[in-house]
Amino acid sequence: MAGRDMKNFYIGIAVLAVVGAGAIWMVRTDSQGAGPELVDPLPVTGESFPGYILGSDSAPVQITEFADFQCPACGQFAVLTAPDIKQRLVASGQVRFVFKDFPLDMHRNSVPAHLAAACADEQGQFWTMHDQIFFRQRDWAEVRRPERTFHGYARDLGLDLRQYDECMDSRRYAGRLARSRQDGAQLGVASTPTLIIGNLRVTGAIPYDSLTVLVNRAAAAAR
């Protein structure tokens, strides 16, 4: 029920803004030159974490999202745009979607949220935890001990709680979060969400229609 409430909350505040956001984003791109920018690919090293991946390696376009779980705009993107990406672009083989951690220092509960998702990934439940964290963002974003909330999500998802708690207590993925932030910084990521679509970097929770324009552009360039 809480997940549906969160979706309704975002839809309620954004139902008029979705179309407007697309128009504003396109105007900004056209008039101020603040739209997509070319980026060079990151070199792959032994320490690189490829991110959490949906879709086929043979997809012609990769979308990499650098996101902060506590970022409201990232929550909006997760609720309003990401489902269409998964259902219409990933499922059809057009896109490979990658989520990369980019917790911001300004959000005190962000790192525990990213660690919770990483610990859920140990048990094959990253994407379900990802959805719980984003769809229920307002339940944990300002609490003093968000780990308790995430423990509840882990229980609801049927995770082995002993393994999950040991993972959280050890903070064993903290170094990976730091490296993911470094990867983003090398690509010019400074705020969230930032999307790398092919070799184009774009910032903000852009609506689906605007995103598909960039996907088509990247697909054409890859041919």
C-alpha atoms as a PDB file:
ATOM      1  CA  MET A   1       0.000   0.000   0.000  1.00  0.00           C
ATOM      2  CA  ALA A   2       2.813   2.406   0.890  1.00  0.00           C
ATOM      3  CA  GLY A   3       4.472   1.841  -2.479  1.00  0.00           C
ATOM      4  CA  ARG A   4       1.228   2.687  -4.270  1.00  0.00           C
ATOM      5  CA  ASP A   5       0.805   5.765  -2.053  1.00  0.00           C
ATOM      6  CA  MET A   6       4.286   6.931  -2.996  1.00  0.00           C
ATOM      7  CA  LYS A   7       3.522   6.510  -6.678  1.00  0.00           C
ATOM      8  CA  ASN A   8       0.266   8.405  -6.293  1.00  0.00           C
ATOM      9  CA  PHE A   9       2.103  11.155  -4.423  1.00  0.00           C
ATOM     10  CA  TYR A  10       4.598  11.656  -7.241  1.00  0.00           C
ATOM     11  CA  ILE A  11       1.935  11.394  -9.910  1.00  0.00           C
ATOM     12  CA  GLY A  12      -0.180  13.928  -8.063  1.00  0.00           C
ATOM     13  CA  ILE A  13       2.567  16.540  -7.918  1.00  0.00           C
ATOM     14  CA  ALA A  14       3.818  15.816 -11.417  1.00  0.00           C
ATOM     15  CA  VAL A  15       0.760  15.138 -13.541  1.00  0.00           C
ATOM     16  CA  LEU A  16       0.888  18.618 -15.048  1.00  0.00           C
ATOM     17  CA  ALA A  17       4.639  18.917 -14.795  1.00  0.00           C
ATOM     18  CA  VAL A  18       5.538  15.889 -16.919  1.00  0.00           C
ATOM     19  CA  VAL A  19       4.495  17.490 -20.193  1.00  0.00           C
ATOM     20  CA  GLY A  20       5.751  20.847 -19.025  1.00  0.00           C
ATOM     21  CA  ALA A  21       9.082  19.394 -17.990  1.00  0.00           C
ATOM     22  CA  GLY A  22       9.566  18.043 -21.479  1.00  0.00           C
ATOM     23  CA  ALA A  23       8.800  21.424 -22.979  1.00  0.00           C
ATOM     24  CA  ILE A  24      11.006  23.271 -20.507  1.00  0.00           C
ATOM     25  CA  TRP A  25      13.856  20.809 -21.034  1.00  0.00           C
ATOM     26  CA  MET A  26      13.631  21.150 -24.811  1.00  0.00           C
ATOM     27  CA  VAL A  27      13.491  24.952 -24.575  1.00  0.00           C
ATOM     28  CA  ARG A  28      16.490  24.979 -22.287  1.00  0.00           C
ATOM     29  CA  THR A  29      18.360  22.748 -24.693  1.00  0.00           C
ATOM     30  CA  ASP A  30      17.533  24.851 -27.731  1.00  0.00           C
ATOM     31  CA  SER A  31      17.901  28.347 -26.312  1.00  0.00           C
ATOM     32  CA  GLN A  32      20.654  28.066 -23.724  1.00  0.00           C
ATOM     33  CA  GLY A  33      22.803  25.221 -24.989  1.00  0.00           C
ATOM     34  CA  ALA A  34      22.447  23.411 -21.662  1.00  0.00           C
ATOM     35  CA  GLY A  35      21.298  20.132 -23.161  1.00  0.00           C
ATOM     36  CA  PRO A  36      23.147  16.885 -23.863  1.00  0.00           C
ATOM     37  CA  GLU A  37      26.949  17.002 -23.906  1.00  0.00           C
ATOM     38  CA  LEU A  38      29.377  14.520 -25.410  1.00  0.00           C
ATOM     39  CA  VAL A  39      31.456  12.475 -22.967  1.00  0.00           C
ATOM     40  CA  ASP A  40      34.337  10.074 -23.433  1.00  0.00           C
ATOM     41  CA  PRO A  41      33.871   6.492 -22.195  1.00  0.00           C
ATOM     42  CA  LEU A  42      35.516   5.510 -18.933  1.00  0.00           C
ATOM     43  CA  PRO A  43      38.480   3.143 -19.121  1.00  0.00           C
ATOM     44  CA  VAL A  44      37.615  -0.255 -17.641  1.00  0.00           C
ATOM     45  CA  THR A  45      39.870  -1.287 -14.750  1.00  0.00           C
ATOM     46  CA  GLY A  46      39.962  -4.217 -12.373  1.00  0.00           C
ATOM     47  CA  GLU A  47      38.425  -2.048  -9.660  1.00  0.00           C
ATOM     48  CA  SER A  48      35.529  -0.848 -11.804  1.00  0.00           C
ATOM     49  CA  PHE A  49      32.044  -1.926 -10.802  1.00  0.00           C
ATOM     50  CA  PRO A  50      29.857  -2.135 -13.897  1.00  0.00           C
ATOM     51  CA  GLY A  51      26.741  -1.147 -11.991  1.00  0.00           C
ATOM     52  CA  TYR A  52      23.406  -2.894 -11.662  1.00  0.00           C
ATOM     53  CA  ILE A  53      22.313  -3.974 -15.125  1.00  0.00           C
ATOM     54  CA  LEU A  54      19.027  -4.638 -16.877  1.00  0.00           C
ATOM     55  CA  GLY A  55      18.887  -5.771 -20.486  1.00  0.00           C
ATOM     56  CA  SER A  56      21.005  -7.458 -23.095  1.00  0.00           C
ATOM     57  CA  ASP A  57      24.682  -6.841 -23.745  1.00  0.00           C
ATOM     58  CA  SER A  58      23.755  -6.720 -27.430  1.00  0.00           C
ATOM     59  CA  ALA A  59      21.397  -3.743 -27.036  1.00  0.00           C
ATOM     60  CA  PRO A  60      22.516  -0.951 -29.377  1.00  0.00           C
ATOM     61  CA  VAL A  61      22.244   1.787 -26.708  1.00  0.00           C
ATOM     62  CA  GLN A  62      23.255   1.858 -23.064  1.00  0.00           C
ATOM     63  CA  ILE A  63      21.680   4.245 -20.570  1.00  0.00           C
ATOM     64  CA  THR A  64      23.688   4.688 -17.380  1.00  0.00           C
ATOM     65  CA  GLU A  65      21.950   6.497 -14.553  1.00  0.00           C
ATOM     66  CA  PHE A  66      24.035   8.038 -11.773  1.00  0.00           C
ATOM     67  CA  ALA A  67      21.574   8.470  -8.927  1.00  0.00           C
ATOM     68  CA  ASP A  68      21.205   9.253  -5.241  1.00  0.00           C
ATOM     69  CA  PHE A  69      18.482   7.306  -3.450  1.00  0.00           C
ATOM     70  CA  GLN A  70      17.561  10.313  -1.285  1.00  0.00           C
ATOM     71  CA  CYS A  71      17.393  12.750  -4.219  1.00  0.00           C
ATOM     72  CA  PRO A  72      13.742  13.773  -4.867  1.00  0.00           C
ATOM     73  CA  ALA A  73      14.349  14.187  -8.610  1.00  0.00           C
ATOM     74  CA  CYS A  74      15.818  10.671  -8.717  1.00  0.00           C
ATOM     75  CA  GLY A  75      12.693   9.431  -6.968  1.00  0.00           C
ATOM     76  CA  GLN A  76      10.555  11.177  -9.550  1.00  0.00           C
ATOM     77  CA  PHE A  77      12.572   9.603 -12.365  1.00  0.00           C
ATOM     78  CA  ALA A  78      12.318   6.158 -10.759  1.00  0.00           C
ATOM     79  CA  VAL A  79       8.553   6.403 -10.376  1.00  0.00           C
ATOM     80  CA  LEU A  80       7.536   8.194 -13.569  1.00  0.00           C
ATOM     81  CA  THR A  81      10.138   7.442 -16.252  1.00  0.00           C
ATOM     82  CA  ALA A  82      12.139   4.338 -15.349  1.00  0.00           C
ATOM     83  CA  PRO A  83       9.153   1.933 -15.610  1.00  0.00           C
ATOM     84  CA  ASP A  84       8.621   3.002 -19.231  1.00  0.00           C
ATOM     85  CA  ILE A  85      12.324   2.555 -19.950  1.00  0.00           C
ATOM     86  CA  LYS A  86      12.224  -0.979 -18.581  1.00  0.00           C
ATOM     87  CA  GLN A  87       8.938  -2.018 -20.182  1.00  0.00           C
ATOM     88  CA  ARG A  88       9.320  -0.331 -23.561  1.00  0.00           C
ATOM     89  CA  LEU A  89      13.051  -0.020 -24.238  1.00  0.00           C
ATOM     90  CA  VAL A  90      14.820  -2.667 -22.170  1.00  0.00           C
ATOM     91  CA  ALA A  91      12.253  -5.409 -22.752  1.00  0.00           C
ATOM     92  CA  SER A  92      12.316  -4.762 -26.514  1.00  0.00           C
ATOM     93  CA  GLY A  93      16.106  -5.056 -26.665  1.00  0.00           C
ATOM     94  CA  GLN A  94      16.660  -1.423 -27.643  1.00  0.00           C
ATOM     95  CA  VAL A  95      18.397  -0.389 -24.428  1.00  0.00           C
ATOM     96  CA  ARG A  96      20.670  -1.787 -21.761  1.00  0.00           C
ATOM     97  CA  PHE A  97      20.001   0.097 -18.519  1.00  0.00           C
ATOM     98  CA  VAL A  98      22.659   0.515 -15.827  1.00  0.00           C
ATOM     99  CA  PHE A  99      22.220   2.026 -12.361  1.00  0.00           C
ATOM    100  CA  LYS A 100      25.311   3.527 -10.734  1.00  0.00           C
ATOM    101  CA  ASP A 101      25.559   4.794  -7.170  1.00  0.00           C
ATOM    102  CA  PHE A 102      26.180   8.499  -6.701  1.00  0.00           C
ATOM    103  CA  PRO A 103      25.269   9.351  -3.085  1.00  0.00           C
ATOM    104  CA  LEU A 104      25.524  13.074  -2.413  1.00  0.00           C
ATOM    105  CA  ASP A 105      27.112  14.441   0.756  1.00  0.00           C
ATOM    106  CA  MET A 106      24.120  16.736   1.310  1.00  0.00           C
ATOM    107  CA  HIS A 107      21.842  13.736   1.945  1.00  0.00           C
ATOM    108  CA  ARG A 108      22.654  12.148   5.293  1.00  0.00           C
ATOM    109  CA  ASN A 109      20.599   8.987   4.705  1.00  0.00           C
ATOM    110  CA  SER A 110      21.734   8.344   1.172  1.00  0.00           C
ATOM    111  CA  VAL A 111      24.744   6.136   1.908  1.00  0.00           C
ATOM    112  CA  PRO A 112      22.762   3.742   4.142  1.00  0.00           C
ATOM    113  CA  ALA A 113      20.157   3.492   1.361  1.00  0.00           C
ATOM    114  CA  HIS A 114      22.798   2.600  -1.230  1.00  0.00           C
ATOM    115  CA  LEU A 115      24.371   0.073   1.155  1.00  0.00           C
ATOM    116  CA  ALA A 116      20.948  -1.515   1.733  1.00  0.00           C
ATOM    117  CA  ALA A 117      20.460  -1.933  -2.012  1.00  0.00           C
ATOM    118  CA  ALA A 118      23.957  -3.422  -2.382  1.00  0.00           C
ATOM    119  CA  CYS A 119      23.304  -5.867   0.449  1.00  0.00           C
ATOM    120  CA  ALA A 120      19.996  -6.862  -1.142  1.00  0.00           C
ATOM    121  CA  ASP A 121      21.899  -7.461  -4.376  1.00  0.00           C
ATOM    122  CA  GLU A 122      23.890 -10.199  -2.620  1.00  0.00           C
ATOM    123  CA  GLN A 123      20.619 -12.127  -2.560  1.00  0.00           C
ATOM    124  CA  GLY A 124      19.541 -11.213  -6.081  1.00  0.00           C
ATOM    125  CA  GLN A 125      17.114  -8.518  -4.943  1.00  0.00           C
ATOM    126  CA  PHE A 126      18.744  -5.234  -5.951  1.00  0.00           C
ATOM    127  CA  TRP A 127      15.943  -4.052  -8.223  1.00  0.00           C
ATOM    128  CA  THR A 128      13.163  -4.935  -5.809  1.00  0.00           C
ATOM    129  CA  MET A 129      14.998  -3.086  -3.021  1.00  0.00           C
ATOM    130  CA  HIS A 130      15.692  -0.212  -5.429  1.00  0.00           C
ATOM    131  CA  ASP A 131      11.954   0.116  -6.016  1.00  0.00           C
ATOM    132  CA  GLN A 132      11.098  -0.085  -2.325  1.00  0.00           C
ATOM    133  CA  ILE A 133      13.634   2.613  -1.458  1.00  0.00           C
ATOM    134  CA  PHE A 134      12.542   5.005  -4.196  1.00  0.00           C
ATOM    135  CA  PHE A 135       8.791   4.421  -4.053  1.00  0.00           C
ATOM    136  CA  ARG A 136       8.801   4.868  -0.260  1.00  0.00           C
ATOM    137  CA  GLN A 137      11.408   7.612  -0.141  1.00  0.00           C
ATOM    138  CA  ARG A 138       9.445   9.913   2.162  1.00  0.00           C
ATOM    139  CA  ASP A 139       9.212   7.146   4.795  1.00  0.00           C
ATOM    140  CA  TRP A 140      12.966   7.116   5.469  1.00  0.00           C
ATOM    141  CA  ALA A 141      14.544  10.263   4.002  1.00  0.00           C
ATOM    142  CA  GLU A 142      14.438  12.317   7.202  1.00  0.00           C
ATOM    143  CA  VAL A 143      14.451   9.676   9.936  1.00  0.00           C
ATOM    144  CA  ARG A 144      17.345   9.344  12.362  1.00  0.00           C
ATOM    145  CA  ARG A 145      17.924   5.614  11.856  1.00  0.00           C
ATOM    146  CA  PRO A 146      17.022   4.722   8.264  1.00  0.00           C
ATOM    147  CA  GLU A 147      18.704   1.338   8.648  1.00  0.00           C
ATOM    148  CA  ARG A 148      15.685   0.171  10.676  1.00  0.00           C
ATOM    149  CA  THR A 149      13.372   1.044   7.803  1.00  0.00           C
ATOM    150  CA  PHE A 150      15.589  -0.731   5.287  1.00  0.00           C
ATOM    151  CA  HIS A 151      15.709  -3.782   7.558  1.00  0.00           C
ATOM    152  CA  GLY A 152      11.922  -3.844   7.353  1.00  0.00           C
ATOM    153  CA  TYR A 153      12.078  -3.740   3.571  1.00  0.00           C
ATOM    154  CA  ALA A 154      14.565  -6.623   3.608  1.00  0.00           C
ATOM    155  CA  ARG A 155      12.192  -8.626   5.803  1.00  0.00           C
ATOM    156  CA  ASP A 156       9.246  -7.841   3.520  1.00  0.00           C
ATOM    157  CA  LEU A 157      11.266  -9.008   0.505  1.00  0.00           C
ATOM    158  CA  GLY A 158      12.023 -12.319   2.181  1.00  0.00           C
ATOM    159  CA  LEU A 159      15.772 -11.810   2.427  1.00  0.00           C
ATOM    160  CA  ASP A 160      17.960 -13.839   4.747  1.00  0.00           C
ATOM    161  CA  LEU A 161      18.097 -11.250   7.524  1.00  0.00           C
ATOM    162  CA  ARG A 162      21.225 -12.632   9.172  1.00  0.00           C
ATOM    163  CA  GLN A 163      23.160 -12.264   5.921  1.00  0.00           C
ATOM    164  CA  TYR A 164      21.604  -8.864   5.213  1.00  0.00           C
ATOM    165  CA  ASP A 165      22.345  -7.495   8.699  1.00  0.00           C
ATOM    166  CA  GLU A 166      25.926  -8.750   8.595  1.00  0.00           C
ATOM    167  CA  CYS A 167      26.383  -7.025   5.247  1.00  0.00           C
ATOM    168  CA  MET A 168      24.967  -3.744   6.555  1.00  0.00           C
ATOM    169  CA  ASP A 169      26.951  -3.853   9.801  1.00  0.00           C
ATOM    170  CA  SER A 170      30.217  -4.463   7.947  1.00  0.00           C
ATOM    171  CA  ARG A 171      29.591  -1.642   5.426  1.00  0.00           C
ATOM    172  CA  ARG A 172      31.551  -3.771   2.982  1.00  0.00           C
ATOM    173  CA  TYR A 173      30.291  -1.938  -0.081  1.00  0.00           C
ATOM    174  CA  ALA A 174      31.284   1.540   1.126  1.00  0.00           C
ATOM    175  CA  GLY A 175      34.437   1.426  -1.000  1.00  0.00           C
ATOM    176  CA  ARG A 176      32.431   0.482  -4.064  1.00  0.00           C
ATOM    177  CA  LEU A 177      30.130   3.469  -3.522  1.00  0.00           C
ATOM    178  CA  ALA A 178      33.168   5.734  -3.395  1.00  0.00           C
ATOM    179  CA  ARG A 179      34.559   4.276  -6.632  1.00  0.00           C
ATOM    180  CA  SER A 180      31.196   4.698  -8.335  1.00  0.00           C
ATOM    181  CA  ARG A 181      31.223   8.360  -7.367  1.00  0.00           C
ATOM    182  CA  GLN A 182      34.714   8.688  -8.803  1.00  0.00           C
ATOM    183  CA  ASP A 183      33.521   7.129 -12.062  1.00  0.00           C
ATOM    184  CA  GLY A 184      30.697   9.645 -12.215  1.00  0.00           C
ATOM    185  CA  ALA A 185      32.998  12.547 -11.479  1.00  0.00           C
ATOM    186  CA  GLN A 186      35.262  11.497 -14.369  1.00  0.00           C
ATOM    187  CA  LEU A 187      32.223  11.672 -16.630  1.00  0.00           C
ATOM    188  CA  GLY A 188      31.332  15.148 -15.413  1.00  0.00           C
ATOM    189  CA  VAL A 189      28.532  14.084 -13.087  1.00  0.00           C
ATOM    190  CA  ALA A 190      27.894  16.790 -10.508  1.00  0.00           C
ATOM    191  CA  SER A 191      24.216  16.347  -9.646  1.00  0.00           C
ATOM    192  CA  THR A 192      21.570  13.646  -9.738  1.00  0.00           C
ATOM    193  CA  PRO A 193      20.060  12.125 -11.662  1.00  0.00           C
ATOM    194  CA  THR A 194      22.579  12.298 -14.481  1.00  0.00           C
ATOM    195  CA  LEU A 195      22.096  10.010 -17.469  1.00  0.00           C
ATOM    196  CA  ILE A 196      24.746   8.850 -19.913  1.00  0.00           C
ATOM    197  CA  ILE A 197      22.849   7.847 -23.056  1.00  0.00           C
ATOM    198  CA  GLY A 198      25.334   6.368 -25.483  1.00  0.00           C
ATOM    199  CA  ASN A 199      28.012   9.062 -25.364  1.00  0.00           C
ATOM    200  CA  LEU A 200      25.647  11.875 -24.377  1.00  0.00           C
ATOM    201  CA  ARG A 201      25.416  13.219 -20.830  1.00  0.00           C
ATOM    202  CA  VAL A 202      22.170  14.839 -19.707  1.00  0.00           C
ATOM    203  CA  THR A 203      21.166  16.033 -16.252  1.00  0.00           C
ATOM    204  CA  GLY A 204      17.778  15.900 -14.609  1.00  0.00           C
ATOM    205  CA  ALA A 205      14.666  13.730 -14.418  1.00  0.00           C
ATOM    206  CA  ILE A 206      13.879  14.115 -18.093  1.00  0.00           C
ATOM    207  CA  PRO A 207      10.519  12.747 -19.252  1.00  0.00           C
ATOM    208  CA  TYR A 208      10.251   9.609 -21.339  1.00  0.00           C
ATOM    209  CA  ASP A 209       9.493  11.334 -24.647  1.00  0.00           C
ATOM    210  CA  SER A 210      12.582  13.531 -24.373  1.00  0.00           C
ATOM    211  CA  LEU A 211      14.680  10.534 -23.388  1.00  0.00           C
ATOM    212  CA  THR A 212      13.617   8.537 -26.443  1.00  0.00           C
ATOM    213  CA  VAL A 213      14.803  11.371 -28.682  1.00  0.00           C
ATOM    214  CA  LEU A 214      18.287  10.912 -27.224  1.00  0.00           C
ATOM    215  CA  VAL A 215      18.073   7.114 -27.416  1.00  0.00           C
ATOM    216  CA  ASN A 216      17.231   7.328 -31.113  1.00  0.00           C
ATOM    217  CA  ARG A 217      20.089   9.759 -31.622  1.00  0.00           C
ATOM    218  CA  ALA A 218      22.517   7.428 -29.855  1.00  0.00           C
ATOM    219  CA  ALA A 219      21.237   4.419 -31.815  1.00  0.00           C
ATOM    220  CA  ALA A 220      21.769   6.249 -35.103  1.00  0.00           C
ATOM    221  CA  ALA A 221      25.310   7.175 -34.091  1.00  0.00           C
ATOM    222  CA  ALA A 222      26.063   3.560 -33.194  1.00  0.00           C
ATOM    223  CA  ARG A 223      25.072   2.158 -36.575  1.00  0.00           C
END
